[in-house]
Amino acid sequence: MTETLPPCPECSSDLTYEMGALLVCPLCGNEWAAESEAAGEPAQNAAITDAYGSVLADGDSVTIIKDLKLKGSSTVIKVGTKVRGIRLRQGVGDHDIECRIEGVSMQLKSGVVKKA
């Protein structure tokens, strides 16, 4: 192989490997887009993944994997709640999924859902 992969931007490990369009570090588990690394710019269009590493897309259905308390309310979103038609938000903090649950618009972290 003549191609050399760049080191991990998180832990500087040189053990990176390709997984589809992403580069993956086996030591720290960091995933980043190969094309943004080549362009020398931060990964703005990095794939958003669920808690188990499945890549999410706009319009997907997901399932909540842990009870979520709603801020400012006594309401709880239970484990197993299915959410349809999610919208992904890039680069807007750590809440990267917009959705509607029981008629209420809210934002979720991708780490608390799994692809259905």
C-alpha atoms as a PDB file:
ATOM      1  CA  MET A   1       0.000   0.000   0.000  1.00  0.00           C
ATOM      2  CA  THR A   2       1.356   3.369  -0.972  1.00  0.00           C
ATOM      3  CA  GLU A   3      -1.370   5.384   0.801  1.00  0.00           C
ATOM      4  CA  THR A   4      -0.583   6.566   4.341  1.00  0.00           C
ATOM      5  CA  LEU A   5      -3.464   7.448   6.614  1.00  0.00           C
ATOM      6  CA  PRO A   6      -3.202  10.513   8.869  1.00  0.00           C
ATOM      7  CA  PRO A   7      -2.851  10.044  12.636  1.00  0.00           C
ATOM      8  CA  CYS A   8      -5.856  10.398  14.927  1.00  0.00           C
ATOM      9  CA  PRO A   9      -6.585  14.075  15.732  1.00  0.00           C
ATOM     10  CA  GLU A  10      -7.665  13.124  19.279  1.00  0.00           C
ATOM     11  CA  CYS A  11      -4.879  10.846  20.548  1.00  0.00           C
ATOM     12  CA  SER A  12      -2.274  11.086  17.724  1.00  0.00           C
ATOM     13  CA  SER A  13      -2.258   7.306  17.232  1.00  0.00           C
ATOM     14  CA  ASP A  14      -0.928   6.081  13.878  1.00  0.00           C
ATOM     15  CA  LEU A  15      -3.129   2.946  13.938  1.00  0.00           C
ATOM     16  CA  THR A  16      -6.006   4.577  12.030  1.00  0.00           C
ATOM     17  CA  TYR A  17      -7.992   2.604   9.472  1.00  0.00           C
ATOM     18  CA  GLU A  18     -10.724   3.311   6.937  1.00  0.00           C
ATOM     19  CA  MET A  19     -14.347   2.300   7.468  1.00  0.00           C
ATOM     20  CA  GLY A  20     -16.339   3.403   4.447  1.00  0.00           C
ATOM     21  CA  ALA A  21     -15.978   7.181   4.127  1.00  0.00           C
ATOM     22  CA  LEU A  22     -14.696   7.561   7.697  1.00  0.00           C
ATOM     23  CA  LEU A  23     -11.302   7.157   9.320  1.00  0.00           C
ATOM     24  CA  VAL A  24     -11.393   5.355  12.683  1.00  0.00           C
ATOM     25  CA  CYS A  25      -8.930   5.208  15.581  1.00  0.00           C
ATOM     26  CA  PRO A  26      -9.037   1.813  17.367  1.00  0.00           C
ATOM     27  CA  LEU A  27      -7.447   3.215  20.540  1.00  0.00           C
ATOM     28  CA  CYS A  28      -9.821   6.064  21.410  1.00  0.00           C
ATOM     29  CA  GLY A  29     -12.754   5.221  19.090  1.00  0.00           C
ATOM     30  CA  ASN A  30     -12.682   8.609  17.356  1.00  0.00           C
ATOM     31  CA  GLU A  31     -14.271   8.744  13.879  1.00  0.00           C
ATOM     32  CA  TRP A  32     -13.733  11.552  11.374  1.00  0.00           C
ATOM     33  CA  ALA A  33     -14.290  12.173   7.677  1.00  0.00           C
ATOM     34  CA  ALA A  34     -11.335  11.390   5.427  1.00  0.00           C
ATOM     35  CA  GLU A  35     -12.085  14.144   2.889  1.00  0.00           C
ATOM     36  CA  SER A  36     -12.125  16.968   5.456  1.00  0.00           C
ATOM     37  CA  GLU A  37      -8.755  15.771   6.806  1.00  0.00           C
ATOM     38  CA  ALA A  38      -7.320  15.910   3.290  1.00  0.00           C
ATOM     39  CA  ALA A  39      -8.637  19.454   2.794  1.00  0.00           C
ATOM     40  CA  GLY A  40      -7.122  20.589   6.102  1.00  0.00           C
ATOM     41  CA  GLU A  41     -10.398  21.885   7.496  1.00  0.00           C
ATOM     42  CA  PRO A  42     -12.364  20.735  10.550  1.00  0.00           C
ATOM     43  CA  ALA A  43     -14.932  17.997  10.008  1.00  0.00           C
ATOM     44  CA  GLN A  44     -18.107  20.037   9.545  1.00  0.00           C
ATOM     45  CA  ASN A  45     -19.983  17.291   7.699  1.00  0.00           C
ATOM     46  CA  ALA A  46     -18.911  14.397   9.914  1.00  0.00           C
ATOM     47  CA  ALA A  47     -21.483  11.650  10.067  1.00  0.00           C
ATOM     48  CA  ILE A  48     -23.764  11.706  13.102  1.00  0.00           C
ATOM     49  CA  THR A  49     -23.987   8.261  14.676  1.00  0.00           C
ATOM     50  CA  ASP A  50     -26.304   6.731  17.243  1.00  0.00           C
ATOM     51  CA  ALA A  51     -25.174   5.207  20.547  1.00  0.00           C
ATOM     52  CA  TYR A  52     -24.143   1.982  18.772  1.00  0.00           C
ATOM     53  CA  GLY A  53     -22.233   3.580  15.875  1.00  0.00           C
ATOM     54  CA  SER A  54     -24.894   3.354  13.144  1.00  0.00           C
ATOM     55  CA  VAL A  55     -24.851   6.397  10.862  1.00  0.00           C
ATOM     56  CA  LEU A  56     -28.043   8.470  11.067  1.00  0.00           C
ATOM     57  CA  ALA A  57     -29.695  10.395   8.221  1.00  0.00           C
ATOM     58  CA  ASP A  58     -32.554  12.896   7.949  1.00  0.00           C
ATOM     59  CA  GLY A  59     -35.932  11.151   8.088  1.00  0.00           C
ATOM     60  CA  ASP A  60     -34.691   8.058   9.971  1.00  0.00           C
ATOM     61  CA  SER A  61     -36.641   6.483  12.812  1.00  0.00           C
ATOM     62  CA  VAL A  62     -34.877   6.035  16.140  1.00  0.00           C
ATOM     63  CA  THR A  63     -35.648   4.518  19.531  1.00  0.00           C
ATOM     64  CA  ILE A  64     -34.801   6.137  22.885  1.00  0.00           C
ATOM     65  CA  ILE A  65     -32.399   3.901  24.877  1.00  0.00           C
ATOM     66  CA  LYS A  66     -32.677   5.515  28.333  1.00  0.00           C
ATOM     67  CA  ASP A  67     -35.251   7.457  30.322  1.00  0.00           C
ATOM     68  CA  LEU A  68     -35.006  11.197  29.645  1.00  0.00           C
ATOM     69  CA  LYS A  69     -36.317  13.831  32.047  1.00  0.00           C
ATOM     70  CA  LEU A  70     -37.615  16.928  30.295  1.00  0.00           C
ATOM     71  CA  LYS A  71     -36.043  20.109  31.601  1.00  0.00           C
ATOM     72  CA  GLY A  72     -38.552  22.271  33.464  1.00  0.00           C
ATOM     73  CA  SER A  73     -41.178  19.542  33.607  1.00  0.00           C
ATOM     74  CA  SER A  74     -41.988  16.409  35.577  1.00  0.00           C
ATOM     75  CA  THR A  75     -42.545  14.496  32.324  1.00  0.00           C
ATOM     76  CA  VAL A  76     -40.227  11.604  31.411  1.00  0.00           C
ATOM     77  CA  ILE A  77     -39.636  10.122  27.962  1.00  0.00           C
ATOM     78  CA  LYS A  78     -39.532   6.374  28.534  1.00  0.00           C
ATOM     79  CA  VAL A  79     -37.046   3.817  27.188  1.00  0.00           C
ATOM     80  CA  GLY A  80     -38.283   2.302  23.923  1.00  0.00           C
ATOM     81  CA  THR A  81     -40.146   5.394  22.710  1.00  0.00           C
ATOM     82  CA  LYS A  82     -39.977   5.368  18.911  1.00  0.00           C
ATOM     83  CA  VAL A  83     -39.314   8.677  17.161  1.00  0.00           C
ATOM     84  CA  ARG A  84     -40.005   8.996  13.431  1.00  0.00           C
ATOM     85  CA  GLY A  85     -38.711  11.532  10.921  1.00  0.00           C
ATOM     86  CA  ILE A  86     -35.699  12.993  12.724  1.00  0.00           C
ATOM     87  CA  ARG A  87     -33.773  16.005  11.402  1.00  0.00           C
ATOM     88  CA  LEU A  88     -30.016  16.236  11.901  1.00  0.00           C
ATOM     89  CA  ARG A  89     -28.282  19.458  12.939  1.00  0.00           C
ATOM     90  CA  GLN A  90     -24.561  19.871  12.240  1.00  0.00           C
ATOM     91  CA  GLY A  91     -22.327  21.965  14.486  1.00  0.00           C
ATOM     92  CA  VAL A  92     -24.979  23.328  16.864  1.00  0.00           C
ATOM     93  CA  GLY A  93     -23.701  22.051  20.207  1.00  0.00           C
ATOM     94  CA  ASP A  94     -24.160  18.550  21.515  1.00  0.00           C
ATOM     95  CA  HIS A  95     -27.906  18.219  20.787  1.00  0.00           C
ATOM     96  CA  ASP A  96     -27.672  17.174  17.146  1.00  0.00           C
ATOM     97  CA  ILE A  97     -31.148  15.696  16.496  1.00  0.00           C
ATOM     98  CA  GLU A  98     -34.405  17.644  16.127  1.00  0.00           C
ATOM     99  CA  CYS A  99     -37.649  15.688  16.435  1.00  0.00           C
ATOM    100  CA  ARG A 100     -41.255  15.680  17.612  1.00  0.00           C
ATOM    101  CA  ILE A 101     -42.282  13.419  20.473  1.00  0.00           C
ATOM    102  CA  GLU A 102     -45.968  13.392  21.439  1.00  0.00           C
ATOM    103  CA  GLY A 103     -46.535  16.608  19.475  1.00  0.00           C
ATOM    104  CA  VAL A 104     -43.738  18.539  21.192  1.00  0.00           C
ATOM    105  CA  SER A 105     -40.636  19.689  19.271  1.00  0.00           C
ATOM    106  CA  MET A 106     -37.401  18.890  21.054  1.00  0.00           C
ATOM    107  CA  GLN A 107     -33.714  18.287  20.567  1.00  0.00           C
ATOM    108  CA  LEU A 108     -31.876  15.084  21.493  1.00  0.00           C
ATOM    109  CA  LYS A 109     -28.287  13.958  21.773  1.00  0.00           C
ATOM    110  CA  SER A 110     -27.386  11.210  19.322  1.00  0.00           C
ATOM    111  CA  GLY A 111     -25.864   9.220  22.199  1.00  0.00           C
ATOM    112  CA  VAL A 112     -29.299   8.433  23.702  1.00  0.00           C
ATOM    113  CA  VAL A 113     -30.884   6.915  20.590  1.00  0.00           C
ATOM    114  CA  LYS A 114     -30.460   3.827  18.449  1.00  0.00           C
ATOM    115  CA  LYS A 115     -31.459   3.508  14.806  1.00  0.00           C
ATOM    116  CA  ALA A 116     -34.725   1.614  14.408  1.00  0.00           C
END
